[in-house]
Amino acid sequence: MTWLGFATTFGFVAKSFDVIGVDVRETSVWTSASEAIPGLGEEFMPALDEGAFLLMPTTMPHAGVEEAEDVMRKIDLAVNAIPEVETVVGKMGRTESALDPAPVSMFENVILYKSEYKTDENGRRVRYQMNDSGEFLKNEKGELIQDEDGEYYRQWRDHIKSPDDIWDEIVSVSRIPGTTSAPKLQPIETRLVMLQSGMRAPMGVKVKGNDLQEIENFGLELEEILREAEGVKASSVFAERIVGKPYLEVHWDREQLARYGLSVQDVQQFMSMGVGGMAVSTSVEGRERYPIRVRFARELRDNPEALGELLVPTKTGTQVPLSQLSEIKYRQGPQAIKSEDTFLVGYVIFDKVDGYAEVEVVENARQTIQDNVDSGDLTIPTGINFEFAGNYENQVRAEKRLSIILPIALVFIFLIMYFQFRSVEYNRHDLHQYFCSLGRWIFTRLALRSRLVFEL
């Protein structure tokens, strides 16, 4: 029962009462027992305390650079106002690298929070002098006075008991209209998760297909269903908005181009240089090199009407408005195209509620989706398939390997000891010690659950 938990061990009792219409899971006895004996669950490796969070909210795909920069600045200011937060650094978009596919609509805010108690440069707690009324004393510079017989100085507010409470404060203040929430992540943990699964969350669903719009629509349906799954944190469920980025398209009228003696190459070069810009020289400043680009002023290219008034030179010397040579219009398209296993892919990410193991949450989510498929509430379109991904895959792979390796290892240990001592009784006694060690490990993990610390 310690391993599986009270609810799992006695689940057959609850199901028996369900037959007669009585839900014992809502009773105080059942709830208290489930909280007292939650079980270990199945998890490959618990999250370590890195002393920092990585907040990765997103805004809508059609948001411009100025709007995204303003939102990121507001998030930084709001989070930095939390007393427990030490520093906040936000990043928008990506570096000039093919290994960082982050769009402008995704932010990465690295948040370093203060330790619970004030420490020295080596990370050890420091005691400070106090007066008779229980207040810490300060010197003329306003600094605390160290005293070996004093008390530790707590830097967190009274209602902040753990880093999880700090994260709740961060999520609360970073809610800005037009942005989505983000799963609880840490910098190093996030990099490992993204390298393994490509997602910015500990777990999620990969929706694969041949049409981006169908992938997005099905992902939105899964988003609503996953919010109802047991153990899934409803506020963290988010399906990627793949299609929604505005594109400005210029469709050339070839008859008009032929009338003025222009080729497609001529007008394409005009648009490339005038709107996109063209490097005409390079500025050399020591070892630094900066390209000098030439293009039209912003007010001549910041909207379709202004673009239509641009004058295109012809070979005869006359100038023709761009609107007479083409049709300029907006259309929605993907902000990023991702593929995997030769299929286009979109992600539906989510996080777990505290007290649940990753494998347990994924199994609950899978069962919830299957129940909706069986009831007809969810229809999987033709050509669409999905699969769960995330850290839990490591646990599943480890279980498959250990289910084969562990019995073989125990058999070999038994045979080696039997050939050495020629006694089955001695072997039985020795193997009994292995199971006692396993029991001690289970007890230790229960005692130290969620108390692991990773010092950067």
Protein backbone atom coordinates (compact mmCIF):
# COMPACT_ATOMS: atom_id res chain seq x y z
CA MET A 1 0.00 0.00 0.00
CA THR A 2 2.92 2.33 0.70
CA TRP A 3 4.16 1.82 -2.85
CA LEU A 4 0.84 2.08 -4.70
CA GLY A 5 -1.04 4.37 -2.33
CA PHE A 6 -4.35 4.01 -0.54
CA ALA A 7 -6.57 5.03 -3.48
CA THR A 8 -4.96 2.52 -5.85
CA THR A 9 -4.83 -0.35 -3.38
CA PHE A 10 -8.46 -0.03 -2.35
CA GLY A 11 -9.76 1.20 -5.68
CA PHE A 12 -11.89 -1.94 -6.03
CA VAL A 13 -13.85 -0.86 -2.94
CA ALA A 14 -14.73 2.50 -4.53
CA LYS A 15 -15.76 0.80 -7.77
CA SER A 16 -18.01 -1.59 -5.85
CA PHE A 17 -19.81 1.34 -4.23
CA ASP A 18 -20.10 3.03 -7.63
CA VAL A 19 -22.32 0.16 -8.75
CA ILE A 20 -24.95 1.07 -6.13
CA GLY A 21 -24.54 4.81 -6.78
CA VAL A 22 -22.45 5.74 -3.73
CA ASP A 23 -19.23 7.76 -4.24
CA VAL A 24 -16.99 6.98 -1.27
CA ARG A 25 -14.12 8.96 -2.80
CA GLU A 26 -15.74 12.20 -1.59
CA THR A 27 -15.95 11.07 2.04
CA SER A 28 -13.61 12.56 4.65
CA VAL A 29 -12.20 9.13 5.58
CA TRP A 30 -11.25 8.27 2.01
CA THR A 31 -9.81 11.75 1.37
CA SER A 32 -7.74 11.73 4.57
CA ALA A 33 -6.37 8.25 3.87
CA SER A 34 -5.47 9.18 0.28
CA GLU A 35 -3.60 12.27 1.44
CA ALA A 36 -1.81 10.39 4.21
CA ILE A 37 -0.74 7.50 1.93
CA PRO A 38 -0.47 8.94 -1.58
CA GLY A 39 1.95 6.30 -2.85
CA LEU A 40 5.21 6.82 -4.69
CA GLY A 41 3.81 6.95 -8.19
CA GLU A 42 5.90 6.39 -11.31
CA GLU A 43 8.40 9.06 -12.21
CA PHE A 44 11.83 8.75 -13.85
CA MET A 45 13.49 11.52 -11.86
CA PRO A 46 11.89 14.12 -9.55
CA ALA A 47 12.46 17.78 -10.33
CA LEU A 48 15.45 19.29 -8.56
CA ASP A 49 15.46 22.71 -6.91
CA GLU A 50 17.66 24.90 -9.15
CA GLY A 51 16.89 28.13 -7.31
CA ALA A 52 15.39 29.61 -10.47
CA PHE A 53 12.32 29.42 -12.69
CA LEU A 54 11.92 29.72 -16.44
CA LEU A 55 8.64 31.40 -17.31
CA MET A 56 7.73 30.73 -20.96
CA PRO A 57 4.38 32.35 -21.77
CA THR A 58 3.25 32.98 -25.34
CA THR A 59 1.12 35.57 -27.04
CA MET A 60 -0.94 35.32 -30.20
CA PRO A 61 0.91 34.63 -33.49
CA HIS A 62 -0.29 37.88 -35.08
CA ALA A 63 1.36 40.05 -32.40
CA GLY A 64 3.99 42.40 -33.82
CA VAL A 65 7.49 43.00 -32.54
CA GLU A 66 6.55 46.20 -30.69
CA GLU A 67 3.56 44.57 -28.99
CA ALA A 68 5.58 41.48 -28.01
CA GLU A 69 8.37 43.66 -26.61
CA ASP A 70 5.85 45.66 -24.56
CA VAL A 71 4.29 42.48 -23.14
CA MET A 72 7.70 41.07 -22.21
CA ARG A 73 8.61 44.32 -20.44
CA LYS A 74 5.35 44.27 -18.46
CA ILE A 75 5.98 40.66 -17.38
CA ASP A 76 9.51 41.52 -16.23
CA LEU A 77 8.28 44.49 -14.20
CA ALA A 78 5.40 42.55 -12.63
CA VAL A 79 7.56 39.57 -11.63
CA ASN A 80 10.40 41.76 -10.39
CA ALA A 81 7.97 43.43 -7.96
CA ILE A 82 7.60 40.16 -6.01
CA PRO A 83 9.73 40.49 -2.82
CA GLU A 84 11.08 36.93 -3.08
CA VAL A 85 12.40 37.47 -6.63
CA GLU A 86 15.99 38.62 -6.95
CA THR A 87 16.41 39.21 -10.69
CA VAL A 88 14.39 38.74 -13.89
CA VAL A 89 15.79 38.63 -17.42
CA GLY A 90 13.45 38.30 -20.40
CA LYS A 91 14.22 37.11 -23.92
CA MET A 92 11.97 37.50 -26.94
CA GLY A 93 12.33 35.64 -30.23
CA ARG A 94 15.47 33.71 -31.07
CA THR A 95 19.13 34.11 -31.78
CA GLU A 96 20.47 33.80 -35.30
CA SER A 97 20.73 30.04 -35.01
CA ALA A 98 18.84 27.18 -36.60
CA LEU A 99 18.94 25.40 -33.21
CA ASP A 100 16.64 27.99 -31.60
CA PRO A 101 13.27 27.98 -33.42
CA ALA A 102 11.49 30.23 -30.87
CA PRO A 103 9.09 32.69 -32.56
CA VAL A 104 8.66 36.33 -31.58
CA SER A 105 5.42 35.43 -29.80
CA MET A 106 7.24 33.22 -27.24
CA PHE A 107 9.06 34.70 -24.25
CA GLU A 108 11.69 33.23 -21.96
CA ASN A 109 11.91 34.95 -18.58
CA VAL A 110 14.69 33.59 -16.37
CA ILE A 111 13.71 34.28 -12.75
CA LEU A 112 16.18 33.92 -9.88
CA TYR A 113 14.52 33.92 -6.48
CA LYS A 114 16.06 34.51 -3.07
CA SER A 115 16.92 31.66 -0.73
CA GLU A 116 14.56 31.17 2.19
CA TYR A 117 17.20 32.33 4.68
CA LYS A 118 19.98 34.83 4.13
CA THR A 119 23.27 33.08 3.33
CA ASP A 120 26.94 33.92 2.86
CA GLU A 121 28.98 33.59 -0.34
CA ASN A 122 29.32 29.82 0.28
CA GLY A 123 25.58 29.27 0.58
CA ARG A 124 25.59 28.71 4.35
CA ARG A 125 22.95 30.29 6.57
CA VAL A 126 24.11 33.24 8.63
CA ARG A 127 22.84 34.25 12.07
CA TYR A 128 22.14 37.89 12.86
CA GLN A 129 21.78 39.85 16.07
CA MET A 130 18.31 40.49 17.52
CA ASN A 131 17.01 42.70 20.32
CA ASP A 132 14.76 41.70 23.20
CA SER A 133 11.59 42.39 21.20
CA GLY A 134 12.60 39.92 18.49
CA GLU A 135 13.63 42.47 15.83
CA PHE A 136 16.85 42.24 13.86
CA LEU A 137 19.37 44.98 14.56
CA LYS A 138 21.13 46.98 11.80
CA ASN A 139 24.28 49.07 11.78
CA GLU A 140 24.70 52.67 10.62
CA LYS A 141 24.71 51.56 6.98
CA GLY A 142 21.41 49.74 7.38
CA GLU A 143 23.03 46.29 7.18
CA LEU A 144 22.25 43.36 9.44
CA ILE A 145 24.77 42.61 12.19
CA GLN A 146 26.17 39.08 12.21
CA ASP A 147 26.02 37.25 15.53
CA GLU A 148 26.81 33.57 16.12
CA ASP A 149 24.26 33.50 18.93
CA GLY A 150 21.58 35.25 16.86
CA GLU A 151 18.83 33.93 14.62
CA TYR A 152 18.59 33.16 10.92
CA TYR A 153 17.09 35.95 8.83
CA ARG A 154 14.15 34.70 6.72
CA GLN A 155 13.82 36.49 3.38
CA TRP A 156 10.42 35.10 2.38
CA ARG A 157 7.07 36.44 3.52
CA ASP A 158 5.12 34.48 6.12
CA HIS A 159 2.64 32.93 3.66
CA ILE A 160 5.43 31.76 1.32
CA LYS A 161 6.32 28.27 2.52
CA SER A 162 8.02 26.72 -0.52
CA PRO A 163 9.22 27.56 -4.07
CA ASP A 164 5.83 26.37 -5.31
CA ASP A 165 4.23 29.32 -3.54
CA ILE A 166 6.66 31.66 -5.29
CA TRP A 167 5.69 30.11 -8.62
CA ASP A 168 2.01 30.68 -7.84
CA GLU A 169 2.80 34.34 -7.17
CA ILE A 170 4.66 34.58 -10.49
CA VAL A 171 1.79 33.05 -12.44
CA SER A 172 -0.69 35.36 -10.70
CA VAL A 173 1.13 38.61 -11.51
CA SER A 174 2.12 37.61 -15.06
CA ARG A 175 -1.46 37.19 -16.29
CA ILE A 176 -1.70 39.71 -19.10
CA PRO A 177 -4.61 39.76 -21.59
CA GLY A 178 -3.57 38.06 -24.80
CA THR A 179 -0.94 35.81 -23.22
CA THR A 180 -1.12 32.18 -22.16
CA SER A 181 0.02 30.54 -18.95
CA ALA A 182 3.11 28.34 -18.84
CA PRO A 183 3.98 25.04 -17.11
CA LYS A 184 6.25 25.17 -14.09
CA LEU A 185 9.78 24.87 -15.46
CA GLN A 186 13.37 25.49 -14.41
CA PRO A 187 16.25 26.54 -16.72
CA ILE A 188 18.29 23.33 -16.74
CA GLU A 189 15.22 21.11 -16.56
CA THR A 190 13.70 22.93 -19.54
CA ARG A 191 16.75 22.42 -21.73
CA LEU A 192 16.74 18.71 -21.02
CA VAL A 193 13.02 18.45 -21.75
CA MET A 194 13.28 20.42 -25.00
CA LEU A 195 16.27 18.40 -26.19
CA GLN A 196 14.41 15.17 -25.53
CA SER A 197 10.89 15.93 -26.75
CA GLY A 198 11.09 19.32 -28.50
CA MET A 199 8.31 20.69 -26.28
CA ARG A 200 8.52 23.42 -23.65
CA ALA A 201 6.69 21.35 -21.05
CA PRO A 202 7.36 18.18 -19.02
CA MET A 203 4.63 16.35 -20.91
CA GLY A 204 2.33 16.87 -23.85
CA VAL A 205 0.66 15.45 -26.93
CA LYS A 206 2.18 15.48 -30.40
CA VAL A 207 -0.50 15.82 -33.07
CA LYS A 208 0.72 14.71 -36.49
CA GLY A 209 -0.90 15.08 -39.88
CA ASN A 210 -0.65 16.54 -43.38
CA ASP A 211 -2.59 19.79 -42.94
CA LEU A 212 -1.64 22.47 -40.42
CA GLN A 213 -5.18 23.79 -40.04
CA GLU A 214 -6.53 20.31 -39.23
CA ILE A 215 -3.70 19.77 -36.73
CA GLU A 216 -4.53 23.05 -34.99
CA ASN A 217 -8.27 22.33 -34.89
CA PHE A 218 -7.77 18.86 -33.43
CA GLY A 219 -5.26 20.25 -30.93
CA LEU A 220 -7.86 22.76 -29.73
CA GLU A 221 -10.33 19.90 -29.15
CA LEU A 222 -7.71 18.01 -27.14
CA GLU A 223 -7.06 21.18 -25.13
CA GLU A 224 -10.64 21.22 -23.86
CA ILE A 225 -10.64 17.49 -23.10
CA LEU A 226 -7.31 17.45 -21.25
CA ARG A 227 -8.51 20.17 -18.87
CA GLU A 228 -10.94 17.58 -17.45
CA ALA A 229 -8.36 14.80 -16.95
CA GLU A 230 -7.50 13.86 -13.37
CA GLY A 231 -4.11 15.14 -12.27
CA VAL A 232 -3.76 17.61 -15.15
CA LYS A 233 -3.32 21.25 -14.17
CA ALA A 234 -6.10 22.90 -16.15
CA SER A 235 -4.42 26.31 -16.35
CA SER A 236 -1.30 24.81 -17.95
CA VAL A 237 -3.05 23.09 -20.90
CA PHE A 238 -2.29 24.90 -24.13
CA ALA A 239 -2.61 23.87 -27.77
CA GLU A 240 -0.27 25.64 -30.17
CA ARG A 241 -1.89 28.21 -32.42
CA ILE A 242 -0.09 27.21 -35.58
CA VAL A 243 -2.03 29.17 -38.19
CA GLY A 244 -2.61 32.85 -37.46
CA LYS A 245 0.51 34.72 -38.47
CA PRO A 246 -0.40 37.52 -40.92
CA TYR A 247 1.44 37.49 -44.23
CA LEU A 248 1.49 40.30 -46.80
CA GLU A 249 1.26 38.86 -50.30
CA VAL A 250 1.81 40.67 -53.58
CA HIS A 251 0.15 38.93 -56.56
CA TRP A 252 1.54 40.27 -59.82
CA ASP A 253 -0.73 41.01 -62.79
CA ARG A 254 1.34 39.66 -65.66
CA GLU A 255 -0.75 41.40 -68.32
CA GLN A 256 -0.09 44.79 -66.72
CA LEU A 257 3.60 43.96 -66.36
CA ALA A 258 3.80 43.10 -70.08
CA ARG A 259 1.99 46.33 -70.96
CA TYR A 260 4.73 48.40 -69.29
CA GLY A 261 7.58 46.18 -70.45
CA LEU A 262 8.41 44.82 -66.99
CA SER A 263 9.40 41.31 -66.05
CA VAL A 264 8.62 39.52 -62.81
CA GLN A 265 12.31 39.65 -61.95
CA ASP A 266 12.33 43.46 -62.25
CA VAL A 267 9.43 44.03 -59.88
CA GLN A 268 10.60 41.32 -57.47
CA GLN A 269 13.95 43.07 -57.23
CA PHE A 270 12.16 46.39 -56.66
CA MET A 271 10.16 44.89 -53.74
CA SER A 272 13.19 43.10 -52.33
CA MET A 273 15.29 46.24 -52.25
CA GLY A 274 12.62 48.80 -51.36
CA VAL A 275 10.69 46.85 -48.72
CA GLY A 276 13.00 44.11 -47.50
CA GLY A 277 16.20 46.13 -47.84
CA MET A 278 19.44 45.43 -49.66
CA ALA A 279 22.98 45.52 -48.32
CA VAL A 280 24.97 48.06 -50.35
CA SER A 281 28.11 48.28 -48.23
CA THR A 282 29.72 47.27 -44.95
CA SER A 283 30.81 49.49 -42.08
CA VAL A 284 34.13 48.42 -40.55
CA GLU A 285 34.78 49.40 -36.94
CA GLY A 286 37.87 47.58 -35.72
CA ARG A 287 37.02 43.86 -35.75
CA GLU A 288 33.29 44.56 -36.00
CA ARG A 289 31.39 44.47 -39.31
CA TYR A 290 27.96 46.03 -39.83
CA PRO A 291 26.03 45.82 -43.12
CA ILE A 292 24.61 49.08 -44.49
CA ARG A 293 21.12 48.43 -45.83
CA VAL A 294 19.01 50.69 -48.02
CA ARG A 295 15.20 50.61 -48.25
CA PHE A 296 12.17 52.89 -48.29
CA ALA A 297 11.23 54.90 -45.21
CA ARG A 298 8.89 53.17 -42.74
CA GLU A 299 5.90 55.42 -43.51
CA LEU A 300 6.07 54.31 -47.17
CA ARG A 301 5.84 50.58 -46.42
CA ASP A 302 3.99 50.09 -43.12
CA ASN A 303 0.54 49.29 -44.59
CA PRO A 304 -0.91 47.89 -47.85
CA GLU A 305 -2.30 51.27 -48.95
CA ALA A 306 1.11 52.91 -48.65
CA LEU A 307 2.74 50.04 -50.53
CA GLY A 308 0.22 50.43 -53.35
CA GLU A 309 1.33 54.02 -53.84
CA LEU A 310 4.99 53.13 -54.39
CA LEU A 311 6.16 54.12 -57.88
CA VAL A 312 7.81 51.37 -59.92
CA PRO A 313 10.21 52.68 -62.62
CA THR A 314 9.84 51.26 -66.12
CA LYS A 315 12.35 50.97 -68.95
CA THR A 316 10.78 53.96 -70.74
CA GLY A 317 11.37 56.21 -67.74
CA THR A 318 7.75 56.41 -66.58
CA GLN A 319 6.73 55.43 -63.07
CA VAL A 320 3.70 53.24 -62.37
CA PRO A 321 1.99 52.82 -58.98
CA LEU A 322 2.47 49.37 -57.53
CA SER A 323 -1.31 48.97 -57.09
CA GLN A 324 -1.72 49.00 -60.90
CA LEU A 325 0.73 46.14 -61.33
CA SER A 326 -0.39 43.83 -58.51
CA GLU A 327 -2.97 42.90 -55.90
CA ILE A 328 -1.79 43.39 -52.32
CA LYS A 329 -3.59 41.48 -49.57
CA TYR A 330 -3.15 39.89 -46.17
CA ARG A 331 -3.58 36.20 -45.46
CA GLN A 332 -3.09 34.00 -42.41
CA GLY A 333 -0.36 31.42 -42.42
CA PRO A 334 1.79 29.38 -40.03
CA GLN A 335 4.23 31.18 -37.77
CA ALA A 336 6.47 28.09 -37.79
CA ILE A 337 6.35 24.74 -39.59
CA LYS A 338 7.57 21.76 -37.60
CA SER A 339 7.79 18.21 -38.85
CA GLU A 340 8.58 14.84 -37.35
CA ASP A 341 8.63 11.38 -38.89
CA THR A 342 7.80 12.98 -42.28
CA PHE A 343 4.57 14.46 -40.82
CA LEU A 344 3.69 18.01 -39.87
CA VAL A 345 3.36 18.26 -36.10
CA GLY A 346 1.72 20.48 -33.50
CA TYR A 347 1.95 20.30 -29.71
CA VAL A 348 -0.61 20.32 -26.90
CA ILE A 349 1.35 20.85 -23.69
CA PHE A 350 0.25 20.46 -20.08
CA ASP A 351 1.59 20.05 -16.55
CA LYS A 352 0.62 17.92 -13.56
CA VAL A 353 -0.98 18.86 -10.26
CA ASP A 354 1.24 18.52 -7.19
CA GLY A 355 0.90 15.08 -5.63
CA TYR A 356 0.58 13.21 -8.94
CA ALA A 357 3.31 11.29 -10.73
CA GLU A 358 3.99 11.93 -14.41
CA VAL A 359 3.16 8.42 -15.63
CA GLU A 360 -0.09 8.47 -13.64
CA VAL A 361 -1.13 11.80 -15.17
CA VAL A 362 -0.35 10.65 -18.71
CA GLU A 363 -2.34 7.45 -18.23
CA ASN A 364 -5.29 9.46 -16.88
CA ALA A 365 -5.09 11.85 -19.84
CA ARG A 366 -4.91 8.97 -22.32
CA GLN A 367 -7.93 7.30 -20.73
CA THR A 368 -9.90 10.57 -20.77
CA ILE A 369 -9.25 11.00 -24.49
CA GLN A 370 -10.19 7.39 -25.18
CA ASP A 371 -13.44 7.77 -23.22
CA ASN A 372 -14.36 10.79 -25.35
CA VAL A 373 -13.55 8.86 -28.53
CA ASP A 374 -15.68 5.89 -27.42
CA SER A 375 -18.60 8.14 -26.51
CA GLY A 376 -18.45 9.96 -29.85
CA ASP A 377 -17.64 13.36 -28.30
CA LEU A 378 -14.25 13.37 -30.05
CA THR A 379 -13.71 12.36 -33.66
CA ILE A 380 -10.18 11.84 -34.93
CA PRO A 381 -9.98 13.24 -38.49
CA THR A 382 -8.62 11.10 -41.29
CA GLY A 383 -4.87 11.48 -41.59
CA ILE A 384 -4.46 12.74 -38.01
CA ASN A 385 -2.69 10.73 -35.30
CA PHE A 386 -1.37 11.69 -31.90
CA GLU A 387 0.97 10.37 -29.25
CA PHE A 388 2.03 11.42 -25.76
CA ALA A 389 5.59 12.59 -25.20
CA GLY A 390 7.71 13.95 -22.37
CA ASN A 391 9.79 12.87 -19.40
CA TYR A 392 7.52 9.93 -18.66
CA GLU A 393 8.93 8.14 -21.72
CA ASN A 394 12.18 7.60 -19.79
CA GLN A 395 10.24 5.86 -17.02
CA VAL A 396 8.42 3.62 -19.50
CA ARG A 397 11.66 2.62 -21.22
CA ALA A 398 13.37 1.97 -17.87
CA GLU A 399 10.50 -0.26 -16.71
CA LYS A 400 10.70 -2.35 -19.89
CA ARG A 401 14.44 -2.85 -19.53
CA LEU A 402 14.37 -3.53 -15.79
CA SER A 403 11.52 -6.03 -16.15
CA ILE A 404 13.97 -8.18 -18.12
CA ILE A 405 17.30 -7.31 -16.51
CA LEU A 406 16.27 -7.45 -12.84
CA PRO A 407 14.92 -11.05 -12.80
CA ILE A 408 17.96 -12.24 -14.75
CA ALA A 409 20.30 -10.47 -12.31
CA LEU A 410 18.56 -12.01 -9.28
CA VAL A 411 18.75 -15.49 -10.82
CA PHE A 412 22.48 -15.06 -11.51
CA ILE A 413 23.07 -13.82 -7.94
CA PHE A 414 21.19 -16.81 -6.55
CA LEU A 415 23.17 -19.29 -8.69
CA ILE A 416 26.54 -17.74 -7.89
CA MET A 417 25.86 -17.80 -4.16
CA TYR A 418 24.48 -21.34 -4.31
CA PHE A 419 27.59 -22.67 -6.09
CA GLN A 420 29.73 -20.85 -3.55
CA PHE A 421 27.99 -21.88 -0.30
CA ARG A 422 25.96 -24.93 -1.40
CA SER A 423 23.05 -23.79 0.77
CA VAL A 424 19.58 -22.70 -0.35
CA GLU A 425 18.76 -21.49 3.17
CA TYR A 426 21.73 -19.11 3.17
CA ASN A 427 20.73 -17.79 -0.24
CA ARG A 428 17.17 -17.20 0.92
CA HIS A 429 18.40 -15.27 3.95
CA ASP A 430 20.73 -13.15 1.83
CA LEU A 431 18.08 -12.33 -0.77
CA HIS A 432 15.82 -11.31 2.08
CA GLN A 433 18.29 -8.51 2.80
CA TYR A 434 17.76 -7.12 -0.70
CA PHE A 435 14.05 -6.73 -0.08
CA CYS A 436 14.72 -5.13 3.32
CA SER A 437 16.99 -2.62 1.58
CA LEU A 438 14.21 -1.94 -0.91
CA GLY A 439 11.81 -1.24 1.98
CA ARG A 440 14.28 1.18 3.55
CA TRP A 441 14.65 2.97 0.21
CA ILE A 442 10.88 3.35 -0.11
CA PHE A 443 10.64 4.77 3.41
CA THR A 444 13.52 7.20 2.74
CA ARG A 445 11.94 8.41 -0.48
CA LEU A 446 8.63 9.04 1.26
CA ALA A 447 10.42 11.02 3.96
CA LEU A 448 12.48 13.09 1.54
CA ARG A 449 9.80 13.49 -1.11
CA SER A 450 10.00 16.85 -2.86
CA ARG A 451 12.96 17.89 -0.67
CA LEU A 452 15.81 17.31 -3.14
CA VAL A 453 18.05 20.34 -3.69
CA PHE A 454 20.29 21.04 -6.65
CA GLU A 455 22.74 23.88 -6.05
CA LEU A 456 23.92 25.71 -9.15
